[in-house]
N, C-alpha and C. Protein backbone atom coordinates (compact mmCIF):
# COMPACT_ATOMS: atom_id res chain seq x y z
N MET A 1 0.84 -1.17 0.00
CA MET A 1 0.00 0.00 0.00
C MET A 1 0.89 1.23 0.00
N ASN A 2 0.56 2.17 -0.86
CA ASN A 2 1.44 3.30 -1.08
C ASN A 2 0.76 4.62 -0.79
N HIS A 3 1.45 5.51 -0.07
CA HIS A 3 0.98 6.87 0.10
C HIS A 3 1.72 7.71 -0.93
N ILE A 4 0.99 8.34 -1.82
CA ILE A 4 1.58 9.09 -2.93
C ILE A 4 1.68 10.57 -2.56
N GLN A 5 2.84 11.13 -2.70
CA GLN A 5 3.03 12.57 -2.54
C GLN A 5 2.57 13.25 -3.83
N PRO A 6 2.13 14.52 -3.75
CA PRO A 6 1.62 15.19 -4.95
C PRO A 6 2.61 15.20 -6.11
N GLU A 7 3.90 15.25 -5.82
CA GLU A 7 4.88 15.32 -6.90
C GLU A 7 5.22 13.95 -7.50
N GLN A 8 4.74 12.87 -6.88
CA GLN A 8 5.01 11.53 -7.38
C GLN A 8 3.94 11.11 -8.38
N GLU A 9 4.28 10.16 -9.19
CA GLU A 9 3.33 9.58 -10.13
C GLU A 9 2.48 8.54 -9.41
N LEU A 10 1.22 8.47 -9.77
CA LEU A 10 0.37 7.38 -9.29
C LEU A 10 0.66 6.19 -10.18
N SER A 11 0.94 5.04 -9.60
CA SER A 11 1.42 3.92 -10.39
C SER A 11 0.36 3.27 -11.26
N HIS A 12 -0.93 3.36 -10.90
CA HIS A 12 -1.97 2.71 -11.69
C HIS A 12 -2.56 3.65 -12.73
N LEU A 13 -2.60 4.93 -12.43
CA LEU A 13 -3.25 5.90 -13.29
C LEU A 13 -2.46 6.10 -14.57
N GLY A 14 -3.13 5.96 -15.71
CA GLY A 14 -2.50 6.19 -16.99
C GLY A 14 -1.77 4.99 -17.58
N GLU A 15 -1.66 3.94 -16.84
CA GLU A 15 -1.00 2.73 -17.35
C GLU A 15 -2.03 1.73 -17.85
N LYS A 16 -1.57 0.79 -18.67
CA LYS A 16 -2.44 -0.30 -19.08
C LYS A 16 -2.91 -1.02 -17.81
N THR A 17 -4.19 -1.32 -17.76
CA THR A 17 -4.76 -1.92 -16.56
C THR A 17 -4.49 -3.42 -16.52
N ASN A 18 -3.84 -3.84 -15.46
CA ASN A 18 -3.61 -5.26 -15.20
C ASN A 18 -4.46 -5.64 -14.00
N TYR A 19 -5.44 -6.49 -14.25
CA TYR A 19 -6.36 -6.88 -13.19
C TYR A 19 -5.83 -8.08 -12.42
N GLU A 20 -5.98 -8.00 -11.09
CA GLU A 20 -5.66 -9.14 -10.24
C GLU A 20 -6.97 -9.84 -9.92
N TYR A 21 -6.94 -11.13 -9.80
CA TYR A 21 -8.15 -11.91 -9.61
C TYR A 21 -8.26 -12.52 -8.22
N GLN A 22 -7.36 -12.16 -7.33
CA GLN A 22 -7.43 -12.58 -5.94
C GLN A 22 -7.30 -11.34 -5.06
N TYR A 23 -8.00 -11.35 -3.95
CA TYR A 23 -8.01 -10.23 -3.02
C TYR A 23 -6.60 -9.71 -2.76
N ASN A 24 -6.42 -8.38 -2.94
CA ASN A 24 -5.11 -7.79 -2.77
C ASN A 24 -5.22 -6.35 -2.26
N PRO A 25 -5.11 -6.13 -0.95
CA PRO A 25 -5.19 -4.77 -0.41
C PRO A 25 -4.01 -3.89 -0.78
N ASN A 26 -2.91 -4.50 -1.25
CA ASN A 26 -1.74 -3.72 -1.64
C ASN A 26 -1.96 -2.90 -2.91
N LEU A 27 -3.09 -3.09 -3.57
CA LEU A 27 -3.40 -2.30 -4.76
C LEU A 27 -3.82 -0.88 -4.40
N LEU A 28 -4.26 -0.65 -3.18
CA LEU A 28 -4.73 0.68 -2.78
C LEU A 28 -3.59 1.69 -2.75
N GLU A 29 -3.86 2.85 -3.31
CA GLU A 29 -2.91 3.96 -3.28
C GLU A 29 -3.64 5.20 -2.77
N THR A 30 -2.89 6.07 -2.13
CA THR A 30 -3.46 7.31 -1.61
C THR A 30 -2.70 8.51 -2.13
N PHE A 31 -3.32 9.67 -1.97
CA PHE A 31 -2.65 10.92 -2.26
C PHE A 31 -3.02 11.93 -1.18
N THR A 32 -2.25 13.00 -1.10
CA THR A 32 -2.39 13.98 -0.04
C THR A 32 -3.64 14.83 -0.20
N ASN A 33 -4.35 15.01 0.90
CA ASN A 33 -5.51 15.91 0.95
C ASN A 33 -5.00 17.35 0.98
N ARG A 34 -5.34 18.11 -0.05
CA ARG A 34 -4.88 19.50 -0.13
C ARG A 34 -5.85 20.49 0.52
N HIS A 35 -6.91 19.96 1.14
CA HIS A 35 -7.93 20.84 1.73
C HIS A 35 -8.20 20.45 3.18
N LEU A 36 -7.14 20.46 3.97
CA LEU A 36 -7.25 20.07 5.37
C LEU A 36 -8.13 21.01 6.18
N ASP A 37 -8.37 22.19 5.67
CA ASP A 37 -9.17 23.19 6.38
C ASP A 37 -10.68 22.98 6.20
N VAL A 38 -11.07 21.98 5.38
CA VAL A 38 -12.48 21.76 5.07
C VAL A 38 -12.82 20.29 5.30
N ASP A 39 -13.92 20.04 6.01
CA ASP A 39 -14.44 18.68 6.11
C ASP A 39 -15.40 18.46 4.94
N TYR A 40 -15.22 17.36 4.23
CA TYR A 40 -16.08 17.07 3.09
C TYR A 40 -16.18 15.57 2.90
N PHE A 41 -17.30 15.14 2.31
CA PHE A 41 -17.52 13.73 2.00
C PHE A 41 -16.98 13.42 0.61
N VAL A 42 -16.41 12.24 0.47
CA VAL A 42 -16.09 11.65 -0.82
C VAL A 42 -16.92 10.38 -0.90
N LYS A 43 -17.65 10.20 -2.00
CA LYS A 43 -18.50 9.01 -2.12
C LYS A 43 -18.17 8.28 -3.41
N PHE A 44 -18.02 6.98 -3.29
CA PHE A 44 -17.83 6.09 -4.43
C PHE A 44 -19.03 5.17 -4.53
N ASN A 45 -19.56 5.02 -5.72
CA ASN A 45 -20.62 4.06 -6.02
C ASN A 45 -20.02 3.02 -6.95
N CYS A 46 -20.01 1.79 -6.52
CA CYS A 46 -19.35 0.73 -7.27
C CYS A 46 -20.40 -0.33 -7.62
N PRO A 47 -21.11 -0.18 -8.76
CA PRO A 47 -22.25 -1.05 -9.07
C PRO A 47 -21.89 -2.41 -9.64
N GLU A 48 -20.62 -2.71 -9.81
CA GLU A 48 -20.24 -3.98 -10.45
C GLU A 48 -19.34 -4.84 -9.58
N PHE A 49 -19.52 -4.78 -8.27
CA PHE A 49 -18.72 -5.58 -7.35
C PHE A 49 -19.13 -7.05 -7.44
N THR A 50 -18.14 -7.92 -7.47
CA THR A 50 -18.41 -9.36 -7.44
C THR A 50 -17.42 -10.04 -6.50
N SER A 51 -17.92 -11.08 -5.86
CA SER A 51 -17.09 -11.97 -5.05
C SER A 51 -17.72 -13.35 -5.17
N LEU A 52 -17.17 -14.31 -4.47
CA LEU A 52 -17.69 -15.68 -4.53
C LEU A 52 -18.18 -16.13 -3.17
N CYS A 53 -19.24 -16.91 -3.17
CA CYS A 53 -19.69 -17.54 -1.93
C CYS A 53 -18.59 -18.51 -1.47
N PRO A 54 -18.16 -18.42 -0.20
CA PRO A 54 -17.08 -19.30 0.25
C PRO A 54 -17.49 -20.76 0.38
N ILE A 55 -18.78 -21.03 0.37
CA ILE A 55 -19.27 -22.40 0.53
C ILE A 55 -19.55 -23.04 -0.83
N THR A 56 -20.34 -22.34 -1.66
CA THR A 56 -20.78 -22.92 -2.94
C THR A 56 -19.91 -22.52 -4.12
N GLY A 57 -19.16 -21.42 -3.98
CA GLY A 57 -18.37 -20.91 -5.11
C GLY A 57 -19.20 -20.12 -6.10
N GLN A 58 -20.50 -19.94 -5.83
CA GLN A 58 -21.34 -19.17 -6.73
C GLN A 58 -20.99 -17.69 -6.63
N PRO A 59 -21.14 -16.96 -7.75
CA PRO A 59 -20.82 -15.53 -7.72
C PRO A 59 -21.89 -14.73 -6.98
N ASP A 60 -21.44 -13.71 -6.30
CA ASP A 60 -22.31 -12.74 -5.64
C ASP A 60 -22.06 -11.39 -6.28
N PHE A 61 -23.13 -10.65 -6.53
CA PHE A 61 -23.06 -9.36 -7.20
C PHE A 61 -23.63 -8.30 -6.27
N ALA A 62 -22.99 -7.13 -6.25
CA ALA A 62 -23.45 -6.07 -5.36
C ALA A 62 -23.09 -4.70 -5.91
N THR A 63 -23.79 -3.72 -5.38
CA THR A 63 -23.34 -2.33 -5.48
C THR A 63 -22.75 -1.99 -4.13
N ILE A 64 -21.55 -1.45 -4.14
CA ILE A 64 -20.87 -1.06 -2.92
C ILE A 64 -20.83 0.47 -2.88
N TYR A 65 -21.28 1.02 -1.75
CA TYR A 65 -21.22 2.46 -1.54
C TYR A 65 -20.17 2.73 -0.47
N ILE A 66 -19.19 3.56 -0.79
CA ILE A 66 -18.14 3.94 0.14
C ILE A 66 -18.19 5.45 0.27
N SER A 67 -18.40 5.94 1.49
CA SER A 67 -18.39 7.38 1.76
C SER A 67 -17.41 7.63 2.89
N TYR A 68 -16.61 8.67 2.75
CA TYR A 68 -15.68 8.99 3.83
C TYR A 68 -15.39 10.48 3.89
N ILE A 69 -14.95 10.90 5.07
CA ILE A 69 -14.46 12.25 5.28
C ILE A 69 -12.95 12.12 5.47
N PRO A 70 -12.17 12.61 4.52
CA PRO A 70 -10.72 12.40 4.60
C PRO A 70 -10.07 13.23 5.70
N ASP A 71 -8.94 12.72 6.14
CA ASP A 71 -8.07 13.50 7.02
C ASP A 71 -6.86 13.90 6.18
N GLN A 72 -5.74 13.26 6.36
CA GLN A 72 -4.52 13.62 5.63
C GLN A 72 -4.46 13.06 4.21
N LYS A 73 -5.16 11.92 3.97
CA LYS A 73 -5.03 11.21 2.70
C LYS A 73 -6.38 10.86 2.11
N LEU A 74 -6.39 10.72 0.78
CA LEU A 74 -7.55 10.24 0.03
C LEU A 74 -7.12 9.02 -0.76
N VAL A 75 -8.08 8.15 -1.08
CA VAL A 75 -7.76 6.98 -1.89
C VAL A 75 -7.88 7.36 -3.36
N GLU A 76 -6.95 6.90 -4.15
CA GLU A 76 -6.98 7.16 -5.60
C GLU A 76 -8.00 6.21 -6.22
N SER A 77 -8.87 6.73 -7.07
CA SER A 77 -10.05 5.98 -7.54
C SER A 77 -9.70 4.76 -8.40
N LYS A 78 -8.70 4.85 -9.25
CA LYS A 78 -8.37 3.68 -10.07
C LYS A 78 -7.80 2.56 -9.19
N SER A 79 -7.01 2.92 -8.20
CA SER A 79 -6.48 1.89 -7.31
C SER A 79 -7.62 1.24 -6.52
N LEU A 80 -8.62 2.04 -6.16
CA LEU A 80 -9.80 1.48 -5.48
C LEU A 80 -10.54 0.52 -6.40
N LYS A 81 -10.69 0.89 -7.65
CA LYS A 81 -11.36 0.02 -8.62
C LYS A 81 -10.61 -1.30 -8.75
N LEU A 82 -9.29 -1.24 -8.87
CA LEU A 82 -8.50 -2.47 -9.00
C LEU A 82 -8.58 -3.31 -7.73
N TYR A 83 -8.56 -2.64 -6.59
CA TYR A 83 -8.71 -3.34 -5.31
C TYR A 83 -10.05 -4.06 -5.23
N LEU A 84 -11.13 -3.36 -5.55
CA LEU A 84 -12.46 -3.99 -5.50
C LEU A 84 -12.56 -5.12 -6.52
N PHE A 85 -11.94 -4.96 -7.68
CA PHE A 85 -11.95 -6.02 -8.68
C PHE A 85 -11.20 -7.25 -8.18
N SER A 86 -10.24 -7.06 -7.29
CA SER A 86 -9.46 -8.20 -6.79
C SER A 86 -10.31 -9.16 -5.94
N TYR A 87 -11.51 -8.76 -5.61
CA TYR A 87 -12.44 -9.65 -4.90
C TYR A 87 -13.11 -10.64 -5.85
N ARG A 88 -12.93 -10.49 -7.14
CA ARG A 88 -13.65 -11.26 -8.15
C ARG A 88 -13.65 -12.76 -7.89
N ASN A 89 -12.52 -13.32 -7.53
CA ASN A 89 -12.43 -14.76 -7.26
C ASN A 89 -12.18 -15.04 -5.78
N HIS A 90 -12.48 -14.07 -4.94
CA HIS A 90 -12.28 -14.19 -3.50
C HIS A 90 -13.55 -14.77 -2.87
N GLY A 91 -13.41 -15.83 -2.14
CA GLY A 91 -14.55 -16.44 -1.47
C GLY A 91 -14.71 -15.91 -0.06
N ASP A 92 -15.80 -15.19 0.17
CA ASP A 92 -16.07 -14.70 1.52
C ASP A 92 -17.55 -14.31 1.63
N PHE A 93 -18.05 -14.27 2.85
CA PHE A 93 -19.42 -13.87 3.08
C PHE A 93 -19.56 -12.37 2.85
N HIS A 94 -20.78 -11.94 2.49
CA HIS A 94 -21.04 -10.54 2.19
C HIS A 94 -20.56 -9.62 3.32
N GLU A 95 -20.93 -9.98 4.53
CA GLU A 95 -20.60 -9.15 5.68
C GLU A 95 -19.09 -8.99 5.84
N ASN A 96 -18.36 -10.09 5.67
CA ASN A 96 -16.90 -10.03 5.80
C ASN A 96 -16.28 -9.16 4.73
N CYS A 97 -16.80 -9.24 3.50
CA CYS A 97 -16.27 -8.39 2.42
C CYS A 97 -16.41 -6.92 2.80
N ILE A 98 -17.57 -6.52 3.26
CA ILE A 98 -17.83 -5.11 3.56
C ILE A 98 -16.96 -4.62 4.72
N VAL A 99 -16.86 -5.40 5.77
CA VAL A 99 -16.03 -4.99 6.92
C VAL A 99 -14.56 -4.95 6.52
N THR A 100 -14.11 -5.90 5.73
CA THR A 100 -12.71 -5.92 5.29
C THR A 100 -12.39 -4.72 4.42
N ILE A 101 -13.29 -4.38 3.51
CA ILE A 101 -13.09 -3.19 2.67
C ILE A 101 -12.90 -1.96 3.56
N MET A 102 -13.77 -1.80 4.54
CA MET A 102 -13.65 -0.64 5.43
C MET A 102 -12.32 -0.66 6.19
N LYS A 103 -11.97 -1.80 6.76
CA LYS A 103 -10.72 -1.89 7.53
C LYS A 103 -9.49 -1.61 6.67
N ASP A 104 -9.49 -2.11 5.43
CA ASP A 104 -8.36 -1.85 4.53
C ASP A 104 -8.25 -0.36 4.22
N LEU A 105 -9.38 0.30 4.00
CA LEU A 105 -9.37 1.74 3.70
C LEU A 105 -8.95 2.55 4.93
N ILE A 106 -9.37 2.13 6.11
CA ILE A 106 -8.93 2.82 7.33
C ILE A 106 -7.41 2.68 7.48
N LYS A 107 -6.91 1.49 7.28
CA LYS A 107 -5.47 1.25 7.40
C LYS A 107 -4.69 2.12 6.42
N GLU A 108 -5.20 2.29 5.24
CA GLU A 108 -4.49 3.03 4.21
C GLU A 108 -4.63 4.55 4.35
N MET A 109 -5.84 5.01 4.69
CA MET A 109 -6.09 6.46 4.69
C MET A 109 -6.17 7.10 6.07
N ASP A 110 -6.59 6.36 7.09
CA ASP A 110 -6.86 6.91 8.41
C ASP A 110 -7.83 8.09 8.31
N PRO A 111 -9.04 7.84 7.74
CA PRO A 111 -9.99 8.94 7.56
C PRO A 111 -10.61 9.38 8.88
N LYS A 112 -11.22 10.57 8.85
CA LYS A 112 -11.96 11.03 10.02
C LYS A 112 -13.20 10.17 10.22
N TYR A 113 -13.85 9.82 9.13
CA TYR A 113 -15.08 9.03 9.15
C TYR A 113 -15.15 8.22 7.86
N ILE A 114 -15.72 7.01 7.95
CA ILE A 114 -15.94 6.20 6.75
C ILE A 114 -17.13 5.27 6.98
N GLU A 115 -17.85 5.00 5.90
CA GLU A 115 -18.90 3.99 5.93
C GLU A 115 -18.87 3.23 4.62
N VAL A 116 -19.19 1.95 4.73
CA VAL A 116 -19.25 1.07 3.56
C VAL A 116 -20.56 0.30 3.65
N TRP A 117 -21.29 0.30 2.55
CA TRP A 117 -22.60 -0.33 2.49
C TRP A 117 -22.65 -1.20 1.25
N GLY A 118 -22.92 -2.47 1.43
CA GLY A 118 -23.06 -3.39 0.31
C GLY A 118 -24.51 -3.73 0.07
N LYS A 119 -24.95 -3.60 -1.16
CA LYS A 119 -26.32 -3.98 -1.53
C LYS A 119 -26.19 -5.13 -2.52
N PHE A 120 -26.29 -6.34 -1.97
CA PHE A 120 -26.08 -7.55 -2.75
C PHE A 120 -27.38 -7.99 -3.41
N LEU A 121 -27.26 -8.47 -4.64
CA LEU A 121 -28.42 -9.02 -5.34
C LEU A 121 -28.85 -10.32 -4.66
N PRO A 122 -30.13 -10.65 -4.74
CA PRO A 122 -30.61 -11.86 -4.06
C PRO A 122 -30.03 -13.13 -4.67
N ARG A 123 -29.82 -14.08 -3.78
CA ARG A 123 -29.50 -15.45 -4.17
C ARG A 123 -30.34 -16.32 -3.27
N GLY A 124 -31.10 -17.21 -3.84
CA GLY A 124 -31.99 -18.04 -3.04
C GLY A 124 -33.15 -17.24 -2.47
N GLY A 125 -33.52 -16.15 -3.13
CA GLY A 125 -34.69 -15.39 -2.74
C GLY A 125 -34.47 -14.37 -1.63
N ILE A 126 -33.21 -14.13 -1.25
CA ILE A 126 -32.95 -13.16 -0.17
C ILE A 126 -31.73 -12.31 -0.54
N SER A 127 -31.86 -11.01 -0.28
CA SER A 127 -30.70 -10.13 -0.48
C SER A 127 -30.15 -9.75 0.89
N ILE A 128 -28.87 -9.43 0.90
CA ILE A 128 -28.19 -9.05 2.14
C ILE A 128 -27.53 -7.70 1.90
N ASP A 129 -27.74 -6.76 2.82
CA ASP A 129 -27.21 -5.41 2.69
C ASP A 129 -26.39 -5.02 3.91
N PRO A 130 -25.18 -5.55 4.07
CA PRO A 130 -24.38 -5.20 5.25
C PRO A 130 -23.90 -3.75 5.20
N TYR A 131 -23.85 -3.14 6.36
CA TYR A 131 -23.41 -1.76 6.52
C TYR A 131 -22.45 -1.70 7.70
N VAL A 132 -21.38 -0.93 7.55
CA VAL A 132 -20.42 -0.74 8.64
C VAL A 132 -19.90 0.69 8.55
N ASN A 133 -19.59 1.26 9.71
CA ASN A 133 -19.00 2.59 9.70
C ASN A 133 -17.98 2.73 10.81
N TYR A 134 -17.25 3.84 10.78
CA TYR A 134 -16.17 4.09 11.75
C TYR A 134 -15.95 5.59 11.84
N GLY A 135 -15.78 6.07 13.05
CA GLY A 135 -15.35 7.45 13.29
C GLY A 135 -14.08 7.43 14.10
N LYS A 136 -13.16 8.31 13.75
CA LYS A 136 -11.87 8.34 14.45
C LYS A 136 -12.10 8.49 15.96
N PRO A 137 -11.49 7.60 16.75
CA PRO A 137 -11.70 7.61 18.20
C PRO A 137 -11.35 8.95 18.84
N ASN A 138 -12.12 9.28 19.87
CA ASN A 138 -11.91 10.49 20.66
C ASN A 138 -12.04 11.78 19.87
N THR A 139 -12.85 11.74 18.80
CA THR A 139 -13.16 12.94 18.02
C THR A 139 -14.67 13.01 17.86
N LYS A 140 -15.14 14.12 17.33
CA LYS A 140 -16.58 14.25 17.06
C LYS A 140 -17.04 13.22 16.04
N TRP A 141 -16.11 12.68 15.26
CA TRP A 141 -16.48 11.70 14.23
C TRP A 141 -16.82 10.34 14.83
N GLU A 142 -16.28 10.04 16.00
CA GLU A 142 -16.67 8.81 16.70
C GLU A 142 -18.14 8.91 17.13
N THR A 143 -18.52 10.04 17.66
CA THR A 143 -19.92 10.27 18.04
C THR A 143 -20.82 10.26 16.82
N PHE A 144 -20.37 10.91 15.76
CA PHE A 144 -21.12 10.94 14.51
C PHE A 144 -21.36 9.51 13.99
N ALA A 145 -20.33 8.68 14.03
CA ALA A 145 -20.45 7.29 13.55
C ALA A 145 -21.47 6.52 14.39
N ASN A 146 -21.41 6.68 15.70
CA ASN A 146 -22.37 5.99 16.56
C ASN A 146 -23.80 6.41 16.26
N LYS A 147 -24.03 7.70 16.11
CA LYS A 147 -25.37 8.20 15.80
C LYS A 147 -25.83 7.71 14.43
N ARG A 148 -24.92 7.75 13.47
CA ARG A 148 -25.28 7.33 12.11
C ARG A 148 -25.62 5.84 12.09
N LEU A 149 -24.89 5.03 12.83
CA LEU A 149 -25.18 3.61 12.90
C LEU A 149 -26.54 3.36 13.56
N GLU A 150 -26.83 4.11 14.60
CA GLU A 150 -28.13 3.98 15.26
C GLU A 150 -29.27 4.34 14.31
N GLN A 151 -29.05 5.29 13.43
CA GLN A 151 -30.09 5.75 12.51
C GLN A 151 -30.09 4.99 11.19
N HIS A 152 -29.07 4.19 10.95
CA HIS A 152 -28.96 3.51 9.67
C HIS A 152 -30.16 2.61 9.41
N ASP A 153 -30.70 2.74 8.22
CA ASP A 153 -31.77 1.86 7.76
C ASP A 153 -32.99 1.88 8.68
N ILE A 154 -33.25 3.03 9.29
CA ILE A 154 -34.37 3.13 10.23
C ILE A 154 -35.72 3.13 9.51
N THR A 155 -35.73 3.55 8.26
CA THR A 155 -36.96 3.51 7.47
C THR A 155 -36.86 2.39 6.44
N LEU A 156 -37.96 1.77 6.16
CA LEU A 156 -37.96 0.67 5.19
C LEU A 156 -37.62 1.18 3.81
N GLU A 157 -36.83 0.42 3.13
CA GLU A 157 -36.40 0.75 1.79
C GLU A 157 -37.31 0.07 0.78
N LYS A 158 -37.68 0.79 -0.24
CA LYS A 158 -38.43 0.19 -1.33
C LYS A 158 -37.43 -0.50 -2.25
N VAL A 159 -37.51 -1.81 -2.32
CA VAL A 159 -36.57 -2.58 -3.13
C VAL A 159 -37.27 -2.91 -4.45
N ASP A 160 -36.95 -2.12 -5.47
CA ASP A 160 -37.55 -2.36 -6.78
C ASP A 160 -36.52 -2.53 -7.88
N ASN A 161 -35.26 -2.54 -7.50
CA ASN A 161 -34.20 -2.67 -8.49
C ASN A 161 -33.48 -4.00 -8.41
N ARG A 162 -34.02 -4.96 -7.64
CA ARG A 162 -33.36 -6.26 -7.53
C ARG A 162 -34.40 -7.34 -7.59
């Protein structure tokens, strides 16, 4: 995992894309936040996430939503895409994928706040939508994360796209 200084080249951006087919957190790259004086959300919508069921080997498809408030670093989007693609042949339960994605991003960026929400397509007549969040300990973001988790999914969602 690499922290990129503004004057350095991003290793994935602009190069021919080489996809990895096994989970690899080392694909994540970051760059410096140039707006430390402002708190802001960055949101990624990843509608083509795939992984494998660890028991049956059947593919699981999801949209992954990643939102975070950066501190010193931001994740570079192409490296995030390659990282998420590395789950393609990775066998794990939906919940574990979502929590691992969040933990890997925390390790790489150390954001003020982050949340990851997976909206998996149904298999066997049931869909699973795991959600996890984190706020930096001993800051207002820890309180924010707790409140947001308490309020998460408090209203029923109309599921008409799956």
